[in-house]
Amino acid sequence: MRKSKFIGGILSQGNNREIVNINTTPLIDVMLVLIIMLIITIPVQLHKLDMKIGNEKDNSIQKVGKIVKVVIDSNGKIILNNTSEIENRNDLKEKFSTFVKLNKNSIVQIIPHGDSDYQKIALVLTEAKLAGFKSISFVNIEKFLN
């Protein structure tokens, strides 16, 4: 009887060498199931901004407040009412809270440039909502339709 040696996936019996195969199908099946479970459990929405869009009929008459124009230019600068340039997020919070305190029915009109950064637009939307503005709209967005 010859001695058999198992060396690195090769079964050696004298001069005859036989390659030992490992069935990897169960391993691949388990990995696919784990990947599918991972994809299902990952949240699809990474950030969320709750905004009410006027679907409800409101018969009450509301006074239109002052219009707050927020221009976002191509360089990412935020300009409020064509007069003051916003330097940082805290400055934007202060300005928005001042407008809301003066008139609760103020309207925010966001005028973005076609090349403006989405993060700046999201920042303005978030801060306007947190400040308490009830009406936020986009103006001159026809240029984005092409």
Protein backbone atom coordinates (compact mmCIF):
# COMPACT_ATOMS: atom_id res chain seq x y z
CA MET A 1 0.00 0.00 0.00
CA ARG A 2 1.30 3.42 -0.99
CA LYS A 3 1.35 6.38 1.30
CA SER A 4 -0.87 9.35 0.33
CA LYS A 5 0.10 12.91 0.98
CA PHE A 6 -2.16 15.92 0.77
CA ILE A 7 -0.16 18.98 -0.24
CA GLY A 8 -1.91 22.30 -0.98
CA GLY A 9 -5.02 20.96 -2.72
CA ILE A 10 -3.14 18.21 -4.55
CA LEU A 11 -3.54 14.64 -3.39
CA SER A 12 -0.30 12.83 -4.13
CA GLN A 13 -0.11 9.05 -4.35
CA GLY A 14 3.22 8.11 -5.68
CA ASN A 15 3.46 9.29 -9.30
CA ASN A 16 -0.30 9.92 -9.77
CA ARG A 17 -1.38 13.41 -8.82
CA GLU A 18 -5.05 14.17 -8.39
CA ILE A 19 -6.42 17.72 -7.87
CA VAL A 20 -8.95 17.92 -5.04
CA ASN A 21 -11.87 20.25 -5.87
CA ILE A 22 -13.72 22.16 -3.19
CA ASN A 23 -17.38 22.86 -3.86
CA THR A 24 -17.72 26.66 -3.59
CA THR A 25 -21.40 26.84 -4.57
CA PRO A 26 -22.69 26.92 -0.95
CA LEU A 27 -20.17 29.61 -0.09
CA ILE A 28 -21.30 31.75 -3.02
CA ASP A 29 -24.97 31.20 -2.08
CA VAL A 30 -24.36 32.34 1.48
CA MET A 31 -22.43 35.41 0.29
CA LEU A 32 -25.25 36.38 -2.11
CA VAL A 33 -27.82 36.08 0.68
CA LEU A 34 -25.67 38.26 2.95
CA ILE A 35 -25.23 40.89 0.23
CA ILE A 36 -28.99 40.96 -0.43
CA MET A 37 -29.70 41.34 3.30
CA LEU A 38 -27.17 44.16 3.51
CA ILE A 39 -28.75 45.98 0.57
CA ILE A 40 -32.22 45.65 2.09
CA THR A 41 -31.15 46.92 5.51
CA ILE A 42 -29.23 49.97 4.22
CA PRO A 43 -31.49 53.02 4.37
CA VAL A 44 -32.31 54.28 0.91
CA GLN A 45 -32.72 57.88 1.97
CA LEU A 46 -29.57 59.33 3.49
CA HIS A 47 -31.06 62.70 4.35
CA LYS A 48 -34.60 63.88 4.71
CA LEU A 49 -36.24 67.26 4.58
CA ASP A 50 -39.93 67.24 5.45
CA MET A 51 -41.81 69.92 3.57
CA LYS A 52 -45.52 70.36 3.23
CA ILE A 53 -46.63 71.00 -0.29
CA GLY A 54 -49.99 72.74 -0.60
CA ASN A 55 -52.35 69.86 -1.32
CA GLU A 56 -54.93 70.84 1.25
CA LYS A 57 -57.62 73.37 0.47
CA ASP A 58 -57.38 76.31 2.79
CA ASN A 59 -60.30 78.70 2.69
CA SER A 60 -58.91 81.07 5.28
CA ILE A 61 -57.55 84.38 4.04
CA GLN A 62 -53.95 84.98 4.94
CA LYS A 63 -52.05 88.20 4.78
CA VAL A 64 -49.09 88.03 2.46
CA GLY A 65 -45.96 88.92 4.34
CA LYS A 66 -42.74 90.43 3.23
CA ILE A 67 -40.90 88.60 0.46
CA VAL A 68 -37.40 87.47 1.37
CA LYS A 69 -35.37 86.91 -1.81
CA VAL A 70 -32.43 84.54 -1.49
CA VAL A 71 -30.09 84.53 -4.50
CA ILE A 72 -27.53 81.75 -4.82
CA ASP A 73 -24.95 82.62 -7.46
CA SER A 74 -22.66 80.31 -9.43
CA ASN A 75 -19.84 80.74 -6.88
CA GLY A 76 -22.06 79.58 -4.02
CA LYS A 77 -22.53 83.01 -2.48
CA ILE A 78 -25.88 83.50 -0.75
CA ILE A 79 -27.28 87.02 -1.10
CA LEU A 80 -30.33 88.08 0.91
CA ASN A 81 -32.73 90.68 -0.56
CA ASN A 82 -30.03 91.89 -3.00
CA THR A 83 -28.29 93.69 -0.14
CA SER A 84 -26.50 91.47 2.37
CA GLU A 85 -24.16 88.60 1.58
CA ILE A 86 -24.40 85.65 3.94
CA GLU A 87 -21.00 84.51 5.21
CA ASN A 88 -21.91 81.34 7.13
CA ARG A 89 -24.78 79.18 8.38
CA ASN A 90 -25.17 81.05 11.69
CA ASP A 91 -25.52 84.34 9.84
CA LEU A 92 -28.27 82.81 7.70
CA LYS A 93 -30.05 81.51 10.84
CA GLU A 94 -29.94 84.95 12.44
CA LYS A 95 -31.27 86.74 9.35
CA PHE A 96 -34.08 84.21 8.83
CA SER A 97 -35.13 84.29 12.49
CA THR A 98 -35.22 88.10 12.35
CA PHE A 99 -37.53 88.01 9.31
CA VAL A 100 -39.83 85.47 10.96
CA LYS A 101 -40.01 87.53 14.17
CA LEU A 102 -40.93 90.67 12.23
CA ASN A 103 -43.58 88.98 10.09
CA LYS A 104 -44.71 85.37 10.50
CA ASN A 105 -46.23 85.35 7.01
CA SER A 106 -42.97 86.20 5.24
CA ILE A 107 -42.33 84.31 2.02
CA VAL A 108 -38.93 82.96 1.00
CA GLN A 109 -38.16 83.04 -2.70
CA ILE A 110 -35.05 81.10 -3.64
CA ILE A 111 -33.42 82.19 -6.90
CA PRO A 112 -30.62 79.71 -7.69
CA HIS A 113 -28.11 80.08 -10.49
CA GLY A 114 -27.95 77.22 -12.98
CA ASP A 115 -24.43 76.29 -11.82
CA SER A 116 -25.03 76.75 -8.09
CA ASP A 117 -24.11 73.99 -5.68
CA TYR A 118 -26.96 71.77 -4.43
CA GLN A 119 -25.58 71.86 -0.87
CA LYS A 120 -26.12 75.60 -0.71
CA ILE A 121 -29.71 75.23 -1.92
CA ALA A 122 -30.34 72.46 0.64
CA LEU A 123 -28.80 74.66 3.34
CA VAL A 124 -31.14 77.55 2.51
CA LEU A 125 -34.17 75.23 2.41
CA THR A 126 -33.29 73.62 5.73
CA GLU A 127 -32.61 76.89 7.53
CA ALA A 128 -35.78 78.49 6.14
CA LYS A 129 -37.86 75.58 7.39
CA LEU A 130 -36.16 75.56 10.80
CA ALA A 131 -36.66 79.31 11.14
CA GLY A 132 -40.41 78.84 10.74
CA PHE A 133 -41.20 80.12 7.26
CA LYS A 134 -44.47 78.66 6.05
CA SER A 135 -44.02 79.53 2.39
CA ILE A 136 -40.84 78.68 0.48
CA SER A 137 -40.70 78.82 -3.30
CA PHE A 138 -38.24 78.64 -6.17
CA VAL A 139 -38.19 81.45 -8.72
CA ASN A 140 -36.86 81.48 -12.32
CA ILE A 141 -36.35 77.74 -12.59
CA GLU A 142 -37.24 77.66 -16.29
CA LYS A 143 -33.52 77.62 -17.10
CA PHE A 144 -33.24 74.17 -15.47
CA LEU A 145 -35.87 72.59 -17.74
CA ASN A 146 -33.58 72.38 -20.79
